[in-house]
Amino acid sequence: MNFAKYFSVIAVSMLKFAGGPLTGLALQLGWVETAICSVIGMMFTVVLVVYSGDLLRKFFKKDKAKRFTKMTRLGVKIRQKFGLVGIAFLTPILFTPVVGATLSVAFRYDKKAIFGQMFFSAVVWAFIQTLFFYFVKDLIFK
């Protein structure tokens, strides 16, 4: 077992979920190991953001009018149409784990619900993305 390889996949998945499967592929890990490490990375970020969300909100509280960016507008549209399920579903492929978790906290969803939805989404997308990248690699580099 090479924990440095596992940690690399986890660290990359914390910032950008699709980077986890690509890193695992580059480090020649098995697809199951890569998928599991990708889920761990995303969930570590979600836990950090959710539990530090109240503290961060107080620390960064501004008196200025709130500004809406393209990402926050998109988050609001997704929330209105699909709720937490939509945000969690799109976090691994559209948002980063930090943005998805931050949106969930900002919309004041229940912490247990955030963890459950994000975990389910992370597992599904980890296996889909990992299998896709490993399959494409076999097609391209035969």
N, C-alpha and C. Protein backbone atom coordinates (compact mmCIF):
# COMPACT_ATOMS: atom_id res chain seq x y z
N MET A 1 0.84 -1.19 0.00
CA MET A 1 0.00 0.00 0.00
C MET A 1 0.88 1.24 0.00
N ASN A 2 0.59 2.10 -0.92
CA ASN A 2 1.32 3.34 -0.99
C ASN A 2 0.39 4.48 -0.60
N PHE A 3 0.48 4.91 0.65
CA PHE A 3 -0.43 5.92 1.16
C PHE A 3 -0.23 7.27 0.51
N ALA A 4 0.96 7.53 -0.01
CA ALA A 4 1.20 8.81 -0.69
C ALA A 4 0.33 8.93 -1.94
N LYS A 5 0.15 7.82 -2.65
CA LYS A 5 -0.71 7.84 -3.84
C LYS A 5 -2.16 8.08 -3.44
N TYR A 6 -2.60 7.41 -2.40
CA TYR A 6 -3.97 7.59 -1.91
C TYR A 6 -4.20 9.03 -1.47
N PHE A 7 -3.24 9.56 -0.72
CA PHE A 7 -3.36 10.93 -0.22
C PHE A 7 -3.41 11.92 -1.39
N SER A 8 -2.65 11.65 -2.44
CA SER A 8 -2.65 12.53 -3.61
C SER A 8 -4.03 12.59 -4.25
N VAL A 9 -4.67 11.44 -4.41
CA VAL A 9 -6.01 11.40 -5.00
C VAL A 9 -7.00 12.11 -4.08
N ILE A 10 -6.90 11.88 -2.79
CA ILE A 10 -7.79 12.53 -1.82
C ILE A 10 -7.61 14.04 -1.87
N ALA A 11 -6.36 14.50 -1.87
CA ALA A 11 -6.08 15.93 -1.86
C ALA A 11 -6.62 16.62 -3.12
N VAL A 12 -6.44 16.00 -4.26
CA VAL A 12 -6.93 16.60 -5.50
C VAL A 12 -8.45 16.60 -5.52
N SER A 13 -9.07 15.53 -5.05
CA SER A 13 -10.54 15.45 -5.03
C SER A 13 -11.16 16.46 -4.08
N MET A 14 -10.41 16.91 -3.11
CA MET A 14 -10.92 17.92 -2.19
C MET A 14 -11.15 19.24 -2.91
N LEU A 15 -10.36 19.51 -3.91
CA LEU A 15 -10.46 20.78 -4.63
C LEU A 15 -11.28 20.69 -5.91
N LYS A 16 -11.05 19.65 -6.68
CA LYS A 16 -11.79 19.44 -7.93
C LYS A 16 -12.04 17.95 -8.07
N PHE A 17 -13.30 17.57 -8.03
CA PHE A 17 -13.65 16.16 -7.94
C PHE A 17 -13.13 15.33 -9.12
N ALA A 18 -13.25 15.84 -10.33
CA ALA A 18 -12.81 15.07 -11.51
C ALA A 18 -11.30 14.87 -11.52
N GLY A 19 -10.58 15.68 -10.78
CA GLY A 19 -9.13 15.52 -10.69
C GLY A 19 -8.73 14.25 -9.96
N GLY A 20 -9.58 13.77 -9.08
CA GLY A 20 -9.28 12.55 -8.34
C GLY A 20 -9.12 11.34 -9.23
N PRO A 21 -10.13 11.04 -10.07
CA PRO A 21 -9.97 9.90 -10.98
C PRO A 21 -8.80 10.06 -11.95
N LEU A 22 -8.56 11.28 -12.40
CA LEU A 22 -7.43 11.50 -13.30
C LEU A 22 -6.10 11.28 -12.58
N THR A 23 -6.02 11.71 -11.34
CA THR A 23 -4.80 11.50 -10.55
C THR A 23 -4.59 10.02 -10.27
N GLY A 24 -5.65 9.32 -9.91
CA GLY A 24 -5.55 7.88 -9.67
C GLY A 24 -5.10 7.13 -10.91
N LEU A 25 -5.60 7.54 -12.05
CA LEU A 25 -5.19 6.95 -13.32
C LEU A 25 -3.71 7.21 -13.58
N ALA A 26 -3.28 8.45 -13.36
CA ALA A 26 -1.88 8.80 -13.59
C ALA A 26 -0.94 8.06 -12.63
N LEU A 27 -1.42 7.81 -11.42
CA LEU A 27 -0.60 7.12 -10.42
C LEU A 27 -0.74 5.60 -10.50
N GLN A 28 -1.51 5.13 -11.46
CA GLN A 28 -1.70 3.71 -11.73
C GLN A 28 -2.31 2.96 -10.54
N LEU A 29 -3.28 3.60 -9.92
CA LEU A 29 -4.06 2.93 -8.88
C LEU A 29 -5.18 2.16 -9.54
N GLY A 30 -5.73 1.19 -8.84
CA GLY A 30 -6.89 0.48 -9.34
C GLY A 30 -8.09 1.41 -9.35
N TRP A 31 -9.09 1.08 -10.18
CA TRP A 31 -10.23 1.99 -10.29
C TRP A 31 -11.05 2.03 -9.02
N VAL A 32 -11.13 0.94 -8.27
CA VAL A 32 -11.89 0.94 -7.02
C VAL A 32 -11.20 1.82 -5.98
N GLU A 33 -9.88 1.68 -5.88
CA GLU A 33 -9.11 2.51 -4.94
C GLU A 33 -9.26 3.99 -5.29
N THR A 34 -9.21 4.28 -6.56
CA THR A 34 -9.34 5.66 -7.02
C THR A 34 -10.71 6.22 -6.69
N ALA A 35 -11.75 5.45 -6.94
CA ALA A 35 -13.11 5.91 -6.65
C ALA A 35 -13.30 6.15 -5.15
N ILE A 36 -12.82 5.25 -4.34
CA ILE A 36 -12.97 5.39 -2.88
C ILE A 36 -12.22 6.62 -2.39
N CYS A 37 -11.01 6.81 -2.86
CA CYS A 37 -10.23 7.99 -2.45
C CYS A 37 -10.89 9.28 -2.92
N SER A 38 -11.51 9.26 -4.09
CA SER A 38 -12.21 10.45 -4.58
C SER A 38 -13.39 10.80 -3.69
N VAL A 39 -14.13 9.79 -3.26
CA VAL A 39 -15.25 10.02 -2.35
C VAL A 39 -14.75 10.58 -1.02
N ILE A 40 -13.69 10.00 -0.51
CA ILE A 40 -13.13 10.48 0.77
C ILE A 40 -12.71 11.93 0.65
N GLY A 41 -12.06 12.29 -0.44
CA GLY A 41 -11.62 13.67 -0.63
C GLY A 41 -12.78 14.66 -0.66
N MET A 42 -13.81 14.33 -1.43
CA MET A 42 -14.95 15.23 -1.50
C MET A 42 -15.65 15.35 -0.15
N MET A 43 -15.85 14.22 0.51
CA MET A 43 -16.56 14.25 1.78
C MET A 43 -15.76 14.96 2.87
N PHE A 44 -14.44 14.87 2.82
CA PHE A 44 -13.61 15.60 3.78
C PHE A 44 -13.84 17.11 3.63
N THR A 45 -13.91 17.57 2.38
CA THR A 45 -14.17 18.98 2.12
C THR A 45 -15.57 19.37 2.58
N VAL A 46 -16.55 18.53 2.30
CA VAL A 46 -17.93 18.82 2.70
C VAL A 46 -18.02 18.94 4.22
N VAL A 47 -17.40 18.02 4.94
CA VAL A 47 -17.43 18.06 6.41
C VAL A 47 -16.77 19.35 6.91
N LEU A 48 -15.62 19.70 6.34
CA LEU A 48 -14.94 20.93 6.76
C LEU A 48 -15.81 22.16 6.52
N VAL A 49 -16.39 22.26 5.35
CA VAL A 49 -17.20 23.44 5.01
C VAL A 49 -18.47 23.49 5.85
N VAL A 50 -19.14 22.36 6.01
CA VAL A 50 -20.41 22.36 6.75
C VAL A 50 -20.18 22.73 8.21
N TYR A 51 -19.16 22.17 8.83
CA TYR A 51 -18.94 22.46 10.25
C TYR A 51 -18.28 23.80 10.49
N SER A 52 -17.62 24.34 9.49
CA SER A 52 -17.04 25.67 9.66
C SER A 52 -17.90 26.74 9.02
N GLY A 53 -19.04 26.37 8.44
CA GLY A 53 -19.90 27.31 7.73
C GLY A 53 -20.40 28.44 8.59
N ASP A 54 -20.88 28.15 9.78
CA ASP A 54 -21.39 29.20 10.66
C ASP A 54 -20.28 30.15 11.07
N LEU A 55 -19.13 29.59 11.38
CA LEU A 55 -17.98 30.41 11.77
C LEU A 55 -17.53 31.30 10.61
N LEU A 56 -17.45 30.73 9.43
CA LEU A 56 -17.04 31.51 8.26
C LEU A 56 -18.05 32.59 7.92
N ARG A 57 -19.33 32.28 8.07
CA ARG A 57 -20.38 33.27 7.78
C ARG A 57 -20.24 34.46 8.72
N LYS A 58 -19.97 34.20 10.00
CA LYS A 58 -19.81 35.29 10.95
C LYS A 58 -18.55 36.09 10.67
N PHE A 59 -17.48 35.38 10.29
CA PHE A 59 -16.19 36.04 10.04
C PHE A 59 -16.26 36.93 8.81
N PHE A 60 -16.93 36.48 7.77
CA PHE A 60 -16.97 37.22 6.52
C PHE A 60 -18.25 38.03 6.34
N LYS A 61 -18.98 38.23 7.42
CA LYS A 61 -20.24 38.97 7.33
C LYS A 61 -19.93 40.38 6.86
N LYS A 62 -20.66 40.79 5.83
CA LYS A 62 -20.44 42.11 5.24
C LYS A 62 -21.68 42.95 5.40
N ASP A 63 -21.47 44.25 5.50
CA ASP A 63 -22.59 45.18 5.56
C ASP A 63 -23.02 45.60 4.16
N LYS A 64 -22.21 45.29 3.17
CA LYS A 64 -22.50 45.69 1.80
C LYS A 64 -23.64 44.84 1.24
N ALA A 65 -24.22 45.34 0.19
CA ALA A 65 -25.24 44.56 -0.51
C ALA A 65 -24.59 43.31 -1.09
N LYS A 66 -25.35 42.23 -1.09
CA LYS A 66 -24.81 40.98 -1.60
C LYS A 66 -24.64 41.05 -3.11
N ARG A 67 -23.54 40.51 -3.59
CA ARG A 67 -23.28 40.46 -5.01
C ARG A 67 -23.57 39.05 -5.51
N PHE A 68 -24.19 39.00 -6.65
CA PHE A 68 -24.47 37.71 -7.25
C PHE A 68 -23.51 37.48 -8.40
N THR A 69 -22.82 36.37 -8.33
CA THR A 69 -21.93 35.97 -9.41
C THR A 69 -22.68 34.98 -10.29
N LYS A 70 -22.07 34.60 -11.38
CA LYS A 70 -22.69 33.60 -12.25
C LYS A 70 -22.92 32.29 -11.49
N MET A 71 -21.96 31.92 -10.66
CA MET A 71 -22.05 30.67 -9.93
C MET A 71 -23.17 30.72 -8.89
N THR A 72 -23.31 31.85 -8.18
CA THR A 72 -24.38 31.91 -7.18
C THR A 72 -25.75 31.99 -7.85
N ARG A 73 -25.84 32.67 -8.98
CA ARG A 73 -27.11 32.69 -9.73
C ARG A 73 -27.49 31.28 -10.17
N LEU A 74 -26.50 30.56 -10.68
CA LEU A 74 -26.75 29.18 -11.10
C LEU A 74 -27.19 28.34 -9.91
N GLY A 75 -26.52 28.53 -8.77
CA GLY A 75 -26.89 27.80 -7.56
C GLY A 75 -28.32 28.09 -7.12
N VAL A 76 -28.73 29.34 -7.22
CA VAL A 76 -30.10 29.71 -6.85
C VAL A 76 -31.10 29.06 -7.80
N LYS A 77 -30.81 29.07 -9.09
CA LYS A 77 -31.72 28.43 -10.06
C LYS A 77 -31.85 26.94 -9.79
N ILE A 78 -30.71 26.30 -9.51
CA ILE A 78 -30.75 24.86 -9.23
C ILE A 78 -31.52 24.59 -7.94
N ARG A 79 -31.31 25.43 -6.94
CA ARG A 79 -32.02 25.25 -5.68
C ARG A 79 -33.53 25.39 -5.88
N GLN A 80 -33.93 26.38 -6.65
CA GLN A 80 -35.36 26.61 -6.87
C GLN A 80 -36.00 25.44 -7.61
N LYS A 81 -35.28 24.86 -8.55
CA LYS A 81 -35.87 23.78 -9.35
C LYS A 81 -35.73 22.40 -8.70
N PHE A 82 -34.56 22.13 -8.09
CA PHE A 82 -34.27 20.77 -7.63
C PHE A 82 -33.91 20.66 -6.16
N GLY A 83 -33.67 21.75 -5.48
CA GLY A 83 -33.34 21.72 -4.07
C GLY A 83 -31.95 21.16 -3.80
N LEU A 84 -31.78 20.61 -2.62
CA LEU A 84 -30.49 20.06 -2.20
C LEU A 84 -30.05 18.90 -3.10
N VAL A 85 -31.00 18.12 -3.57
CA VAL A 85 -30.67 16.99 -4.44
C VAL A 85 -29.96 17.49 -5.70
N GLY A 86 -30.44 18.57 -6.28
CA GLY A 86 -29.82 19.13 -7.48
C GLY A 86 -28.44 19.68 -7.21
N ILE A 87 -28.28 20.37 -6.10
CA ILE A 87 -26.96 20.91 -5.76
C ILE A 87 -25.98 19.77 -5.54
N ALA A 88 -26.38 18.77 -4.78
CA ALA A 88 -25.50 17.63 -4.50
C ALA A 88 -25.17 16.86 -5.77
N PHE A 89 -26.16 16.67 -6.64
CA PHE A 89 -25.94 15.93 -7.88
C PHE A 89 -24.94 16.63 -8.79
N LEU A 90 -25.00 17.95 -8.83
CA LEU A 90 -24.12 18.70 -9.73
C LEU A 90 -22.78 19.09 -9.11
N THR A 91 -22.62 18.90 -7.82
CA THR A 91 -21.37 19.29 -7.17
C THR A 91 -20.15 18.59 -7.78
N PRO A 92 -20.13 17.28 -7.98
CA PRO A 92 -18.92 16.66 -8.52
C PRO A 92 -18.63 17.00 -9.99
N ILE A 93 -19.65 17.35 -10.76
CA ILE A 93 -19.39 17.56 -12.17
C ILE A 93 -19.41 19.02 -12.60
N LEU A 94 -20.11 19.87 -11.88
CA LEU A 94 -20.21 21.27 -12.27
C LEU A 94 -19.53 22.18 -11.25
N PHE A 95 -19.90 22.03 -10.01
CA PHE A 95 -19.29 22.81 -8.95
C PHE A 95 -18.06 22.07 -8.42
N THR A 96 -17.30 22.73 -7.60
CA THR A 96 -16.25 22.02 -6.87
C THR A 96 -16.87 21.59 -5.54
N PRO A 97 -16.24 20.65 -4.82
CA PRO A 97 -16.79 20.28 -3.51
C PRO A 97 -16.94 21.47 -2.56
N VAL A 98 -16.02 22.42 -2.65
CA VAL A 98 -16.09 23.59 -1.78
C VAL A 98 -17.32 24.43 -2.13
N VAL A 99 -17.55 24.67 -3.41
CA VAL A 99 -18.69 25.50 -3.84
C VAL A 99 -20.01 24.80 -3.54
N GLY A 100 -20.11 23.51 -3.85
CA GLY A 100 -21.33 22.79 -3.58
C GLY A 100 -21.69 22.77 -2.11
N ALA A 101 -20.70 22.51 -1.26
CA ALA A 101 -20.95 22.49 0.18
C ALA A 101 -21.29 23.90 0.69
N THR A 102 -20.61 24.90 0.16
CA THR A 102 -20.87 26.28 0.57
C THR A 102 -22.29 26.70 0.19
N LEU A 103 -22.72 26.35 -1.01
CA LEU A 103 -24.09 26.64 -1.42
C LEU A 103 -25.10 25.96 -0.50
N SER A 104 -24.84 24.71 -0.17
CA SER A 104 -25.74 23.97 0.70
C SER A 104 -25.85 24.61 2.08
N VAL A 105 -24.73 25.06 2.60
CA VAL A 105 -24.72 25.72 3.91
C VAL A 105 -25.40 27.09 3.80
N ALA A 106 -25.12 27.80 2.73
CA ALA A 106 -25.70 29.14 2.55
C ALA A 106 -27.22 29.08 2.45
N PHE A 107 -27.74 28.01 1.85
CA PHE A 107 -29.18 27.85 1.73
C PHE A 107 -29.78 27.22 2.99
N ARG A 108 -28.96 27.01 4.00
CA ARG A 108 -29.36 26.54 5.32
C ARG A 108 -30.09 25.20 5.32
N TYR A 109 -29.55 24.26 4.57
CA TYR A 109 -30.07 22.90 4.61
C TYR A 109 -29.56 22.21 5.86
N ASP A 110 -30.28 21.20 6.30
CA ASP A 110 -29.90 20.42 7.46
C ASP A 110 -28.57 19.72 7.21
N LYS A 111 -27.70 19.71 8.21
CA LYS A 111 -26.37 19.13 8.04
C LYS A 111 -26.43 17.65 7.68
N LYS A 112 -27.30 16.90 8.33
CA LYS A 112 -27.41 15.47 8.01
C LYS A 112 -27.88 15.27 6.58
N ALA A 113 -28.79 16.10 6.13
CA ALA A 113 -29.26 16.00 4.75
C ALA A 113 -28.14 16.33 3.76
N ILE A 114 -27.35 17.34 4.09
CA ILE A 114 -26.22 17.70 3.22
C ILE A 114 -25.26 16.52 3.12
N PHE A 115 -24.90 15.94 4.27
CA PHE A 115 -23.96 14.81 4.26
C PHE A 115 -24.51 13.63 3.47
N GLY A 116 -25.76 13.31 3.67
CA GLY A 116 -26.36 12.18 2.98
C GLY A 116 -26.41 12.37 1.47
N GLN A 117 -26.89 13.53 1.04
CA GLN A 117 -27.00 13.80 -0.39
C GLN A 117 -25.63 13.90 -1.06
N MET A 118 -24.71 14.58 -0.39
CA MET A 118 -23.36 14.74 -0.96
C MET A 118 -22.64 13.39 -1.04
N PHE A 119 -22.82 12.56 -0.02
CA PHE A 119 -22.18 11.25 -0.03
C PHE A 119 -22.72 10.39 -1.17
N PHE A 120 -24.03 10.36 -1.31
CA PHE A 120 -24.63 9.57 -2.38
C PHE A 120 -24.15 10.06 -3.75
N SER A 121 -24.14 11.36 -3.93
CA SER A 121 -23.68 11.94 -5.19
C SER A 121 -22.20 11.64 -5.44
N ALA A 122 -21.39 11.74 -4.40
CA ALA A 122 -19.96 11.47 -4.54
C ALA A 122 -19.71 10.02 -4.94
N VAL A 123 -20.43 9.09 -4.33
CA VAL A 123 -20.25 7.67 -4.65
C VAL A 123 -20.63 7.40 -6.11
N VAL A 124 -21.80 7.90 -6.50
CA VAL A 124 -22.27 7.67 -7.86
C VAL A 124 -21.31 8.26 -8.88
N TRP A 125 -20.96 9.52 -8.71
CA TRP A 125 -20.08 10.17 -9.68
C TRP A 125 -18.65 9.65 -9.63
N ALA A 126 -18.19 9.22 -8.47
CA ALA A 126 -16.83 8.67 -8.39
C ALA A 126 -16.73 7.42 -9.25
N PHE A 127 -17.69 6.54 -9.14
CA PHE A 127 -17.64 5.31 -9.93
C PHE A 127 -17.86 5.59 -11.42
N ILE A 128 -18.76 6.50 -11.75
CA ILE A 128 -19.00 6.83 -13.16
C ILE A 128 -17.75 7.47 -13.77
N GLN A 129 -17.21 8.48 -13.12
CA GLN A 129 -16.04 9.17 -13.68
C GLN A 129 -14.82 8.28 -13.72
N THR A 130 -14.60 7.53 -12.66
CA THR A 130 -13.42 6.67 -12.62
C THR A 130 -13.50 5.60 -13.72
N LEU A 131 -14.63 4.94 -13.82
CA LEU A 131 -14.77 3.94 -14.87
C LEU A 131 -14.64 4.56 -16.26
N PHE A 132 -15.19 5.75 -16.45
CA PHE A 132 -15.08 6.42 -17.73
C PHE A 132 -13.62 6.70 -18.09
N PHE A 133 -12.89 7.31 -17.16
CA PHE A 133 -11.49 7.64 -17.44
C PHE A 133 -10.64 6.39 -17.67
N TYR A 134 -10.88 5.35 -16.89
CA TYR A 134 -10.11 4.12 -17.07
C TYR A 134 -10.48 3.43 -18.38
N PHE A 135 -11.75 3.51 -18.78
CA PHE A 135 -12.17 2.92 -20.04
C PHE A 135 -11.60 3.69 -21.23
N VAL A 136 -11.65 5.01 -21.17
CA VAL A 136 -11.11 5.85 -22.25
C VAL A 136 -9.61 5.64 -22.37
N LYS A 137 -8.93 5.50 -21.25
CA LYS A 137 -7.48 5.25 -21.28
C LYS A 137 -7.18 3.97 -22.05
N ASP A 138 -7.96 2.95 -21.81
CA ASP A 138 -7.74 1.67 -22.51
C ASP A 138 -8.01 1.80 -24.00
N LEU A 139 -8.94 2.66 -24.37
CA LEU A 139 -9.23 2.85 -25.79
C LEU A 139 -8.15 3.67 -26.49
N ILE A 140 -7.65 4.68 -25.81
CA ILE A 140 -6.67 5.58 -26.42
C ILE A 140 -5.27 4.99 -26.43
N PHE A 141 -4.85 4.39 -25.33
CA PHE A 141 -3.46 3.95 -25.19
C PHE A 141 -3.27 2.46 -25.40
N LYS A 142 -4.03 1.84 -26.28
CA LYS A 142 -3.85 0.42 -26.54
C LYS A 142 -2.61 0.15 -27.31
